[in-house]
Amino acid sequence: MTVKDIKKKIMYILGGTVLTEDFFWKNARFIITVFVIIVLYISNRYSCIEKMAKIESLQRELKDAKYESLTISAELMGVSRESKVEDMVQKNGVDLKQTKDPIYKLGKK
């Protein structure tokens, strides 16, 4: 194959004369269908990648919220211990005393 033959074939394709042949007109539906399927595949893949990135972001956010919740819960447990409450009452000078009587539960008879 010579350089002239290669140039001739390139001009044949780029010039558009290849589209006037019967092969392309007979298979136009098939070519259009394949093109549409390829476009749908690419858009579906892009959409899927976007959704996966969003899911990963939300999972990281959920993990951070869980750790924050555990931290706050641990702090609350530490502050609400009886000895801590007694220390805070005495430190702030609130006039409260711990009862020595047992607790009575009121119920329906």
PDB file of N, CA and C in Angstrom:
ATOM      1  N   MET A   1       0.839  -1.165   0.000  1.00  0.00           N
ATOM      2  CA  MET A   1       0.000   0.000   0.000  1.00  0.00           C
ATOM      3  C   MET A   1       0.892   1.239   0.000  1.00  0.00           C
ATOM      4  N   THR A   2       0.586   2.119  -0.861  1.00  0.00           N
ATOM      5  CA  THR A   2       1.398   3.321  -0.983  1.00  0.00           C
ATOM      6  C   THR A   2       0.763   4.461  -0.198  1.00  0.00           C
ATOM      7  N   VAL A   3       1.496   5.531  -0.145  1.00  0.00           N
ATOM      8  CA  VAL A   3       1.042   6.705   0.582  1.00  0.00           C
ATOM      9  C   VAL A   3      -0.176   7.310  -0.120  1.00  0.00           C
ATOM     10  N   LYS A   4      -0.179   7.247  -1.461  1.00  0.00           N
ATOM     11  CA  LYS A   4      -1.310   7.788  -2.215  1.00  0.00           C
ATOM     12  C   LYS A   4      -2.585   7.009  -1.915  1.00  0.00           C
ATOM     13  N   ASP A   5      -2.475   5.678  -1.796  1.00  0.00           N
ATOM     14  CA  ASP A   5      -3.654   4.860  -1.486  1.00  0.00           C
ATOM     15  C   ASP A   5      -4.197   5.185  -0.097  1.00  0.00           C
ATOM     16  N   ILE A   6      -3.300   5.398   0.849  1.00  0.00           N
ATOM     17  CA  ILE A   6      -3.720   5.730   2.213  1.00  0.00           C
ATOM     18  C   ILE A   6      -4.413   7.087   2.218  1.00  0.00           C
ATOM     19  N   LYS A   7      -3.840   8.072   1.521  1.00  0.00           N
ATOM     20  CA  LYS A   7      -4.462   9.395   1.451  1.00  0.00           C
ATOM     21  C   LYS A   7      -5.827   9.315   0.781  1.00  0.00           C
ATOM     22  N   LYS A   8      -5.921   8.490  -0.237  1.00  0.00           N
ATOM     23  CA  LYS A   8      -7.173   8.342  -0.977  1.00  0.00           C
ATOM     24  C   LYS A   8      -8.263   7.751  -0.076  1.00  0.00           C
ATOM     25  N   LYS A   9      -7.910   6.751   0.719  1.00  0.00           N
ATOM     26  CA  LYS A   9      -8.890   6.129   1.636  1.00  0.00           C
ATOM     27  C   LYS A   9      -9.301   7.097   2.745  1.00  0.00           C
ATOM     28  N   ILE A  10      -8.359   7.851   3.250  1.00  0.00           N
ATOM     29  CA  ILE A  10      -8.681   8.831   4.296  1.00  0.00           C
ATOM     30  C   ILE A  10      -9.629   9.890   3.751  1.00  0.00           C
ATOM     31  N   MET A  11      -9.354  10.363   2.549  1.00  0.00           N
ATOM     32  CA  MET A  11     -10.233  11.364   1.941  1.00  0.00           C
ATOM     33  C   MET A  11     -11.605  10.757   1.627  1.00  0.00           C
ATOM     34  N   TYR A  12     -11.635   9.480   1.291  1.00  0.00           N
ATOM     35  CA  TYR A  12     -12.898   8.791   1.026  1.00  0.00           C
ATOM     36  C   TYR A  12     -13.779   8.771   2.287  1.00  0.00           C
ATOM     37  N   ILE A  13     -13.139   8.512   3.428  1.00  0.00           N
ATOM     38  CA  ILE A  13     -13.879   8.451   4.698  1.00  0.00           C
ATOM     39  C   ILE A  13     -14.232   9.861   5.171  1.00  0.00           C
ATOM     40  N   LEU A  14     -13.258  10.777   5.175  1.00  0.00           N
ATOM     41  CA  LEU A  14     -13.492  12.132   5.673  1.00  0.00           C
ATOM     42  C   LEU A  14     -14.374  12.954   4.734  1.00  0.00           C
ATOM     43  N   GLY A  15     -14.346  12.638   3.482  1.00  0.00           N
ATOM     44  CA  GLY A  15     -15.145  13.376   2.513  1.00  0.00           C
ATOM     45  C   GLY A  15     -16.629  13.085   2.613  1.00  0.00           C
ATOM     46  N   GLY A  16     -16.984  11.975   3.214  1.00  0.00           N
ATOM     47  CA  GLY A  16     -18.386  11.648   3.413  1.00  0.00           C
ATOM     48  C   GLY A  16     -18.956  10.729   2.352  1.00  0.00           C
ATOM     49  N   THR A  17     -18.182  10.385   1.367  1.00  0.00           N
ATOM     50  CA  THR A  17     -18.700   9.499   0.318  1.00  0.00           C
ATOM     51  C   THR A  17     -18.929   8.088   0.823  1.00  0.00           C
ATOM     52  N   VAL A  18     -18.290   7.743   1.932  1.00  0.00           N
ATOM     53  CA  VAL A  18     -18.494   6.425   2.523  1.00  0.00           C
ATOM     54  C   VAL A  18     -19.938   6.280   3.021  1.00  0.00           C
ATOM     55  N   LEU A  19     -20.568   7.408   3.366  1.00  0.00           N
ATOM     56  CA  LEU A  19     -21.945   7.363   3.875  1.00  0.00           C
ATOM     57  C   LEU A  19     -22.975   7.144   2.774  1.00  0.00           C
ATOM     58  N   THR A  20     -22.585   7.326   1.545  1.00  0.00           N
ATOM     59  CA  THR A  20     -23.539   7.137   0.445  1.00  0.00           C
ATOM     60  C   THR A  20     -23.618   5.684   0.005  1.00  0.00           C
ATOM     61  N   GLU A  21     -22.793   4.856   0.524  1.00  0.00           N
ATOM     62  CA  GLU A  21     -22.816   3.443   0.127  1.00  0.00           C
ATOM     63  C   GLU A  21     -24.009   2.732   0.737  1.00  0.00           C
ATOM     64  N   ASP A  22     -24.416   1.639   0.131  1.00  0.00           N
ATOM     65  CA  ASP A  22     -25.585   0.873   0.569  1.00  0.00           C
ATOM     66  C   ASP A  22     -25.383   0.239   1.941  1.00  0.00           C
ATOM     67  N   PHE A  23     -24.172  -0.109   2.278  1.00  0.00           N
ATOM     68  CA  PHE A  23     -23.913  -0.771   3.562  1.00  0.00           C
ATOM     69  C   PHE A  23     -24.415   0.086   4.732  1.00  0.00           C
ATOM     70  N   PHE A  24     -24.087   1.380   4.709  1.00  0.00           N
ATOM     71  CA  PHE A  24     -24.480   2.256   5.807  1.00  0.00           C
ATOM     72  C   PHE A  24     -25.976   2.523   5.816  1.00  0.00           C
ATOM     73  N   TRP A  25     -26.582   2.658   4.652  1.00  0.00           N
ATOM     74  CA  TRP A  25     -28.026   2.922   4.614  1.00  0.00           C
ATOM     75  C   TRP A  25     -28.816   1.689   5.015  1.00  0.00           C
ATOM     76  N   LYS A  26     -28.329   0.509   4.676  1.00  0.00           N
ATOM     77  CA  LYS A  26     -29.032  -0.725   5.069  1.00  0.00           C
ATOM     78  C   LYS A  26     -28.922  -0.970   6.573  1.00  0.00           C
ATOM     79  N   ASN A  27     -27.833  -0.557   7.156  1.00  0.00           N
ATOM     80  CA  ASN A  27     -27.598  -0.818   8.585  1.00  0.00           C
ATOM     81  C   ASN A  27     -27.730   0.440   9.438  1.00  0.00           C
ATOM     82  N   ALA A  28     -28.406   1.446   8.958  1.00  0.00           N
ATOM     83  CA  ALA A  28     -28.527   2.717   9.683  1.00  0.00           C
ATOM     84  C   ALA A  28     -29.238   2.519  11.020  1.00  0.00           C
ATOM     85  N   ARG A  29     -30.302   1.754  11.048  1.00  0.00           N
ATOM     86  CA  ARG A  29     -31.017   1.508  12.312  1.00  0.00           C
ATOM     87  C   ARG A  29     -30.111   0.832  13.333  1.00  0.00           C
ATOM     88  N   PHE A  30     -29.376  -0.156  12.866  1.00  0.00           N
ATOM     89  CA  PHE A  30     -28.476  -0.875  13.768  1.00  0.00           C
ATOM     90  C   PHE A  30     -27.394   0.057  14.307  1.00  0.00           C
ATOM     91  N   ILE A  31     -26.822   0.874  13.447  1.00  0.00           N
ATOM     92  CA  ILE A  31     -25.763   1.789  13.875  1.00  0.00           C
ATOM     93  C   ILE A  31     -26.310   2.806  14.870  1.00  0.00           C
ATOM     94  N   ILE A  32     -27.488   3.353  14.606  1.00  0.00           N
ATOM     95  CA  ILE A  32     -28.098   4.313  15.528  1.00  0.00           C
ATOM     96  C   ILE A  32     -28.425   3.644  16.859  1.00  0.00           C
ATOM     97  N   THR A  33     -28.939   2.404  16.813  1.00  0.00           N
ATOM     98  CA  THR A  33     -29.253   1.672  18.039  1.00  0.00           C
ATOM     99  C   THR A  33     -27.998   1.432  18.871  1.00  0.00           C
ATOM    100  N   VAL A  34     -26.928   1.026  18.224  1.00  0.00           N
ATOM    101  CA  VAL A  34     -25.661   0.794  18.940  1.00  0.00           C
ATOM    102  C   VAL A  34     -25.159   2.103  19.547  1.00  0.00           C
ATOM    103  N   PHE A  35     -25.262   3.196  18.801  1.00  0.00           N
ATOM    104  CA  PHE A  35     -24.831   4.498  19.307  1.00  0.00           C
ATOM    105  C   PHE A  35     -25.645   4.907  20.535  1.00  0.00           C
ATOM    106  N   VAL A  36     -26.963   4.722  20.489  1.00  0.00           N
ATOM    107  CA  VAL A  36     -27.826   5.074  21.628  1.00  0.00           C
ATOM    108  C   VAL A  36     -27.486   4.208  22.841  1.00  0.00           C
ATOM    109  N   ILE A  37     -27.252   2.923  22.621  1.00  0.00           N
ATOM    110  CA  ILE A  37     -26.902   2.019  23.723  1.00  0.00           C
ATOM    111  C   ILE A  37     -25.569   2.443  24.355  1.00  0.00           C
ATOM    112  N   ILE A  38     -24.610   2.832  23.539  1.00  0.00           N
ATOM    113  CA  ILE A  38     -23.317   3.274  24.065  1.00  0.00           C
ATOM    114  C   ILE A  38     -23.483   4.545  24.904  1.00  0.00           C
ATOM    115  N   VAL A  39     -24.276   5.487  24.423  1.00  0.00           N
ATOM    116  CA  VAL A  39     -24.512   6.724  25.172  1.00  0.00           C
ATOM    117  C   VAL A  39     -25.207   6.425  26.496  1.00  0.00           C
ATOM    118  N   LEU A  40     -26.200   5.539  26.468  1.00  0.00           N
ATOM    119  CA  LEU A  40     -26.896   5.164  27.706  1.00  0.00           C
ATOM    120  C   LEU A  40     -25.956   4.466  28.683  1.00  0.00           C
ATOM    121  N   TYR A  41     -25.088   3.610  28.182  1.00  0.00           N
ATOM    122  CA  TYR A  41     -24.125   2.911  29.033  1.00  0.00           C
ATOM    123  C   TYR A  41     -23.189   3.911  29.714  1.00  0.00           C
ATOM    124  N   ILE A  42     -22.681   4.873  28.945  1.00  0.00           N
ATOM    125  CA  ILE A  42     -21.757   5.861  29.506  1.00  0.00           C
ATOM    126  C   ILE A  42     -22.464   6.717  30.558  1.00  0.00           C
ATOM    127  N   SER A  43     -23.687   7.158  30.261  1.00  0.00           N
ATOM    128  CA  SER A  43     -24.404   7.995  31.232  1.00  0.00           C
ATOM    129  C   SER A  43     -24.763   7.199  32.484  1.00  0.00           C
ATOM    130  N   ASN A  44     -25.102   5.926  32.319  1.00  0.00           N
ATOM    131  CA  ASN A  44     -25.418   5.074  33.469  1.00  0.00           C
ATOM    132  C   ASN A  44     -24.183   4.874  34.344  1.00  0.00           C
ATOM    133  N   ARG A  45     -23.059   4.661  33.738  1.00  0.00           N
ATOM    134  CA  ARG A  45     -21.814   4.469  34.489  1.00  0.00           C
ATOM    135  C   ARG A  45     -21.452   5.746  35.256  1.00  0.00           C
ATOM    136  N   TYR A  46     -21.579   6.891  34.614  1.00  0.00           N
ATOM    137  CA  TYR A  46     -21.282   8.165  35.267  1.00  0.00           C
ATOM    138  C   TYR A  46     -22.217   8.386  36.454  1.00  0.00           C
ATOM    139  N   SER A  47     -23.485   8.102  36.264  1.00  0.00           N
ATOM    140  CA  SER A  47     -24.469   8.251  37.339  1.00  0.00           C
ATOM    141  C   SER A  47     -24.141   7.316  38.499  1.00  0.00           C
ATOM    142  N   CYS A  48     -23.753   6.113  38.194  1.00  0.00           N
ATOM    143  CA  CYS A  48     -23.414   5.127  39.223  1.00  0.00           C
ATOM    144  C   CYS A  48     -22.178   5.575  40.017  1.00  0.00           C
ATOM    145  N   ILE A  49     -21.183   6.098  39.342  1.00  0.00           N
ATOM    146  CA  ILE A  49     -19.972   6.572  40.023  1.00  0.00           C
ATOM    147  C   ILE A  49     -20.306   7.745  40.940  1.00  0.00           C
ATOM    148  N   GLU A  50     -21.159   8.646  40.474  1.00  0.00           N
ATOM    149  CA  GLU A  50     -21.590   9.782  41.302  1.00  0.00           C
ATOM    150  C   GLU A  50     -22.310   9.305  42.561  1.00  0.00           C
ATOM    151  N   LYS A  51     -23.211   8.351  42.403  1.00  0.00           N
ATOM    152  CA  LYS A  51     -23.973   7.838  43.546  1.00  0.00           C
ATOM    153  C   LYS A  51     -23.069   7.101  44.525  1.00  0.00           C
ATOM    154  N   MET A  52     -22.085   6.365  44.027  1.00  0.00           N
ATOM    155  CA  MET A  52     -21.159   5.660  44.919  1.00  0.00           C
ATOM    156  C   MET A  52     -20.329   6.652  45.732  1.00  0.00           C
ATOM    157  N   ALA A  53     -19.914   7.753  45.110  1.00  0.00           N
ATOM    158  CA  ALA A  53     -19.162   8.777  45.834  1.00  0.00           C
ATOM    159  C   ALA A  53     -20.029   9.414  46.912  1.00  0.00           C
ATOM    160  N   LYS A  54     -21.296   9.655  46.609  1.00  0.00           N
ATOM    161  CA  LYS A  54     -22.222  10.227  47.593  1.00  0.00           C
ATOM    162  C   LYS A  54     -22.428   9.258  48.763  1.00  0.00           C
ATOM    163  N   ILE A  55     -22.555   7.969  48.462  1.00  0.00           N
ATOM    164  CA  ILE A  55     -22.730   6.956  49.512  1.00  0.00           C
ATOM    165  C   ILE A  55     -21.508   6.921  50.425  1.00  0.00           C
ATOM    166  N   GLU A  56     -20.314   6.953  49.847  1.00  0.00           N
ATOM    167  CA  GLU A  56     -19.096   6.945  50.663  1.00  0.00           C
ATOM    168  C   GLU A  56     -19.018   8.187  51.552  1.00  0.00           C
ATOM    169  N   SER A  57     -19.394   9.323  51.005  1.00  0.00           N
ATOM    170  CA  SER A  57     -19.390  10.555  51.786  1.00  0.00           C
ATOM    171  C   SER A  57     -20.373  10.462  52.956  1.00  0.00           C
ATOM    172  N   LEU A  58     -21.563   9.951  52.691  1.00  0.00           N
ATOM    173  CA  LEU A  58     -22.565   9.812  53.755  1.00  0.00           C
ATOM    174  C   LEU A  58     -22.144   8.787  54.801  1.00  0.00           C
ATOM    175  N   GLN A  59     -21.461   7.728  54.378  1.00  0.00           N
ATOM    176  CA  GLN A  59     -20.984   6.739  55.343  1.00  0.00           C
ATOM    177  C   GLN A  59     -19.927   7.349  56.262  1.00  0.00           C
ATOM    178  N   ARG A  60     -19.024   8.169  55.688  1.00  0.00           N
ATOM    179  CA  ARG A  60     -18.028   8.847  56.527  1.00  0.00           C
ATOM    180  C   ARG A  60     -18.705   9.795  57.514  1.00  0.00           C
ATOM    181  N   GLU A  61     -19.708  10.508  57.044  1.00  0.00           N
ATOM    182  CA  GLU A  61     -20.438  11.443  57.903  1.00  0.00           C
ATOM    183  C   GLU A  61     -21.166  10.696  59.017  1.00  0.00           C
ATOM    184  N   LEU A  62     -21.751   9.544  58.697  1.00  0.00           N
ATOM    185  CA  LEU A  62     -22.435   8.729  59.705  1.00  0.00           C
ATOM    186  C   LEU A  62     -21.459   8.215  60.752  1.00  0.00           C
ATOM    187  N   LYS A  63     -20.284   7.794  60.309  1.00  0.00           N
ATOM    188  CA  LYS A  63     -19.271   7.302  61.252  1.00  0.00           C
ATOM    189  C   LYS A  63     -18.837   8.419  62.198  1.00  0.00           C
ATOM    190  N   ASP A  64     -18.641   9.624  61.657  1.00  0.00           N
ATOM    191  CA  ASP A  64     -18.267  10.766  62.496  1.00  0.00           C
ATOM    192  C   ASP A  64     -19.376  11.085  63.502  1.00  0.00           C
ATOM    193  N   ALA A  65     -20.625  11.022  63.071  1.00  0.00           N
ATOM    194  CA  ALA A  65     -21.747  11.301  63.973  1.00  0.00           C
ATOM    195  C   ALA A  65     -21.824  10.254  65.082  1.00  0.00           C
ATOM    196  N   LYS A  66     -21.546   8.988  64.751  1.00  0.00           N
ATOM    197  CA  LYS A  66     -21.558   7.934  65.775  1.00  0.00           C
ATOM    198  C   LYS A  66     -20.477   8.181  66.822  1.00  0.00           C
ATOM    199  N   TYR A  67     -19.261   8.544  66.358  1.00  0.00           N
ATOM    200  CA  TYR A  67     -18.177   8.806  67.307  1.00  0.00           C
ATOM    201  C   TYR A  67     -18.498  10.009  68.179  1.00  0.00           C
ATOM    202  N   GLU A  68     -19.081  11.030  67.595  1.00  0.00           N
ATOM    203  CA  GLU A  68     -19.457  12.208  68.369  1.00  0.00           C
ATOM    204  C   GLU A  68     -20.519  11.855  69.399  1.00  0.00           C
ATOM    205  N   SER A  69     -21.479  11.031  69.006  1.00  0.00           N
ATOM    206  CA  SER A  69     -22.530  10.603  69.930  1.00  0.00           C
ATOM    207  C   SER A  69     -21.945   9.806  71.090  1.00  0.00           C
ATOM    208  N   LEU A  70     -21.010   8.913  70.800  1.00  0.00           N
ATOM    209  CA  LEU A  70     -20.373   8.128  71.859  1.00  0.00           C
ATOM    210  C   LEU A  70     -19.581   9.026  72.809  1.00  0.00           C
ATOM    211  N   THR A  71     -18.898  10.017  72.265  1.00  0.00           N
ATOM    212  CA  THR A  71     -18.129  10.934  73.097  1.00  0.00           C
ATOM    213  C   THR A  71     -19.039  11.724  74.027  1.00  0.00           C
ATOM    214  N   ILE A  72     -20.116  12.254  73.485  1.00  0.00           N
ATOM    215  CA  ILE A  72     -21.056  13.032  74.300  1.00  0.00           C
ATOM    216  C   ILE A  72     -21.707  12.148  75.353  1.00  0.00           C
ATOM    217  N   SER A  73     -22.054  10.921  74.978  1.00  0.00           N
ATOM    218  CA  SER A  73     -22.667   9.990  75.928  1.00  0.00           C
ATOM    219  C   SER A  73     -21.706   9.664  77.073  1.00  0.00           C
ATOM    220  N   ALA A  74     -20.427   9.458  76.746  1.00  0.00           N
ATOM    221  CA  ALA A  74     -19.441   9.157  77.789  1.00  0.00           C
ATOM    222  C   ALA A  74     -19.253  10.358  78.717  1.00  0.00           C
ATOM    223  N   GLU A  75     -19.226  11.556  78.147  1.00  0.00           N
ATOM    224  CA  GLU A  75     -19.097  12.755  78.985  1.00  0.00           C
ATOM    225  C   GLU A  75     -20.304  12.922  79.897  1.00  0.00           C
ATOM    226  N   LEU A  76     -21.475  12.676  79.373  1.00  0.00           N
ATOM    227  CA  LEU A  76     -22.699  12.788  80.160  1.00  0.00           C
ATOM    228  C   LEU A  76     -22.710  11.768  81.295  1.00  0.00           C
ATOM    229  N   MET A  77     -22.269  10.558  81.013  1.00  0.00           N
ATOM    230  CA  MET A  77     -22.217   9.529  82.061  1.00  0.00           C
ATOM    231  C   MET A  77     -21.242   9.941  83.159  1.00  0.00           C
ATOM    232  N   GLY A  78     -20.117  10.537  82.767  1.00  0.00           N
ATOM    233  CA  GLY A  78     -19.134  10.964  83.758  1.00  0.00           C
ATOM    234  C   GLY A  78     -19.656  12.104  84.620  1.00  0.00           C
ATOM    235  N   VAL A  79     -20.356  13.046  84.014  1.00  0.00           N
ATOM    236  CA  VAL A  79     -20.860  14.203  84.754  1.00  0.00           C
ATOM    237  C   VAL A  79     -22.040  13.815  85.632  1.00  0.00           C
ATOM    238  N   SER A  80     -22.827  12.852  85.237  1.00  0.00           N
ATOM    239  CA  SER A  80     -24.045  12.531  85.990  1.00  0.00           C
ATOM    240  C   SER A  80     -23.821  11.475  87.078  1.00  0.00           C
ATOM    241  N   ARG A  81     -22.595  11.105  87.356  1.00  0.00           N
ATOM    242  CA  ARG A  81     -22.342  10.170  88.457  1.00  0.00           C
ATOM    243  C   ARG A  81     -22.668  10.861  89.775  1.00  0.00           C
ATOM    244  N   GLU A  82     -23.092  10.045  90.732  1.00  0.00           N
ATOM    245  CA  GLU A  82     -23.541  10.588  92.015  1.00  0.00           C
ATOM    246  C   GLU A  82     -22.439  11.393  92.705  1.00  0.00           C
ATOM    247  N   SER A  83     -21.227  10.894  92.687  1.00  0.00           N
ATOM    248  CA  SER A  83     -20.137  11.606  93.365  1.00  0.00           C
ATOM    249  C   SER A  83     -19.844  12.944  92.682  1.00  0.00           C
ATOM    250  N   LYS A  84     -19.907  12.980  91.357  1.00  0.00           N
ATOM    251  CA  LYS A  84     -19.688  14.228  90.629  1.00  0.00           C
ATOM    252  C   LYS A  84     -20.787  15.234  90.937  1.00  0.00           C
ATOM    253  N   VAL A  85     -22.034  14.768  90.997  1.00  0.00           N
ATOM    254  CA  VAL A  85     -23.154  15.658  91.291  1.00  0.00           C
ATOM    255  C   VAL A  85     -23.004  16.234  92.691  1.00  0.00           C
ATOM    256  N   GLU A  86     -22.636  15.385  93.655  1.00  0.00           N
ATOM    257  CA  GLU A  86     -22.436  15.864  95.025  1.00  0.00           C
ATOM    258  C   GLU A  86     -21.322  16.913  95.076  1.00  0.00           C
ATOM    259  N   ASP A  87     -20.228  16.658  94.380  1.00  0.00           N
ATOM    260  CA  ASP A  87     -19.123  17.629  94.350  1.00  0.00           C
ATOM    261  C   ASP A  87     -19.568  18.961  93.740  1.00  0.00           C
ATOM    262  N   MET A  88     -20.337  18.900  92.675  1.00  0.00           N
ATOM    263  CA  MET A  88     -20.807  20.128  92.017  1.00  0.00           C
ATOM    264  C   MET A  88     -21.785  20.893  92.901  1.00  0.00           C
ATOM    265  N   VAL A  89     -22.625  20.157  93.652  1.00  0.00           N
ATOM    266  CA  VAL A  89     -23.574  20.813  94.556  1.00  0.00           C
ATOM    267  C   VAL A  89     -22.815  21.540  95.663  1.00  0.00           C
ATOM    268  N   GLN A  90     -21.823  20.870  96.243  1.00  0.00           N
ATOM    269  CA  GLN A  90     -21.044  21.488  97.312  1.00  0.00           C
ATOM    270  C   GLN A  90     -20.191  22.654  96.775  1.00  0.00           C
ATOM    271  N   LYS A  91     -19.651  22.482  95.586  1.00  0.00           N
ATOM    272  CA  LYS A  91     -18.795  23.509  94.996  1.00  0.00           C
ATOM    273  C   LYS A  91     -19.580  24.784  94.687  1.00  0.00           C
ATOM    274  N   ASN A  92     -20.806  24.628  94.222  1.00  0.00           N
ATOM    275  CA  ASN A  92     -21.630  25.782  93.861  1.00  0.00           C
ATOM    276  C   ASN A  92     -22.428  26.333  95.043  1.00  0.00           C
ATOM    277  N   GLY A  93     -22.342  25.703  96.180  1.00  0.00           N
ATOM    278  CA  GLY A  93     -22.993  26.200  97.382  1.00  0.00           C
ATOM    279  C   GLY A  93     -24.506  26.054  97.364  1.00  0.00           C
ATOM    280  N   VAL A  94     -25.012  25.071  96.659  1.00  0.00           N
ATOM    281  CA  VAL A  94     -26.456  24.834  96.634  1.00  0.00           C
ATOM    282  C   VAL A  94     -26.831  24.092  97.913  1.00  0.00           C
ATOM    283  N   ASP A  95     -27.930  24.506  98.530  1.00  0.00           N
ATOM    284  CA  ASP A  95     -28.342  23.914  99.802  1.00  0.00           C
ATOM    285  C   ASP A  95     -29.188  22.665  99.537  1.00  0.00           C
ATOM    286  N   LEU A  96     -28.539  21.598  99.143  1.00  0.00           N
ATOM    287  CA  LEU A  96     -29.209  20.311  98.937  1.00  0.00           C
ATOM    288  C   LEU A  96     -28.508  19.263  99.775  1.00  0.00           C
ATOM    289  N   LYS A  97     -29.306  18.347 100.313  1.00  0.00           N
ATOM    290  CA  LYS A  97     -28.735  17.255 101.108  1.00  0.00           C
ATOM    291  C   LYS A  97     -29.313  15.951 100.588  1.00  0.00           C
ATOM    292  N   GLN A  98     -28.500  14.920 100.708  1.00  0.00           N
ATOM    293  CA  GLN A  98     -28.951  13.611 100.258  1.00  0.00           C
ATOM    294  C   GLN A  98     -29.853  13.008 101.326  1.00  0.00           C
ATOM    295  N   THR A  99     -30.959  12.460 100.904  1.00  0.00           N
ATOM    296  CA  THR A  99     -31.903  11.886 101.848  1.00  0.00           C
ATOM    297  C   THR A  99     -31.391  10.555 102.378  1.00  0.00           C
ATOM    298  N   LYS A 100     -31.750  10.284 103.575  1.00  0.00           N
ATOM    299  CA  LYS A 100     -31.346   9.015 104.177  1.00  0.00           C
ATOM    300  C   LYS A 100     -32.514   8.037 104.204  1.00  0.00           C
ATOM    301  N   ASP A 101     -33.712   8.533 103.900  1.00  0.00           N
ATOM    302  CA  ASP A 101     -34.905   7.679 103.868  1.00  0.00           C
ATOM    303  C   ASP A 101     -34.957   6.933 102.533  1.00  0.00           C
ATOM    304  N   PRO A 102     -35.488   5.730 102.581  1.00  0.00           N
ATOM    305  CA  PRO A 102     -35.604   4.984 101.312  1.00  0.00           C
ATOM    306  C   PRO A 102     -36.647   5.635 100.394  1.00  0.00           C
ATOM    307  N   ILE A 103     -36.529   5.351  99.131  1.00  0.00           N
ATOM    308  CA  ILE A 103     -37.435   5.909  98.138  1.00  0.00           C
ATOM    309  C   ILE A 103     -38.719   5.103  98.136  1.00  0.00           C
ATOM    310  N   TYR A 104     -39.845   5.810  98.101  1.00  0.00           N
ATOM    311  CA  TYR A 104     -41.143   5.138  98.014  1.00  0.00           C
ATOM    312  C   TYR A 104     -41.704   5.313  96.623  1.00  0.00           C
ATOM    313  N   LYS A 105     -42.225   4.218  96.094  1.00  0.00           N
ATOM    314  CA  LYS A 105     -42.839   4.286  94.766  1.00  0.00           C
ATOM    315  C   LYS A 105     -44.356   4.320  94.981  1.00  0.00           C
ATOM    316  N   LEU A 106     -44.996   5.245  94.328  1.00  0.00           N
ATOM    317  CA  LEU A 106     -46.450   5.346  94.395  1.00  0.00           C
ATOM    318  C   LEU A 106     -47.024   4.548  93.231  1.00  0.00           C
ATOM    319  N   GLY A 107     -48.031   3.753  93.514  1.00  0.00           N
ATOM    320  CA  GLY A 107     -48.648   2.969  92.457  1.00  0.00           C
ATOM    321  C   GLY A 107     -50.143   2.871  92.642  1.00  0.00           C
ATOM    322  N   LYS A 108     -50.819   2.345  91.673  1.00  0.00           N
ATOM    323  CA  LYS A 108     -52.277   2.179  91.742  1.00  0.00           C
ATOM    324  C   LYS A 108     -52.585   0.925  92.526  1.00  0.00           C
ATOM    325  N   LYS A 109     -53.707   0.992  93.263  1.00  0.00           N
ATOM    326  CA  LYS A 109     -54.140  -0.195  94.020  1.00  0.00           C
ATOM    327  C   LYS A 109     -55.229  -0.891  93.298  1.00  0.00           C
TER     328      LYS A 109
END
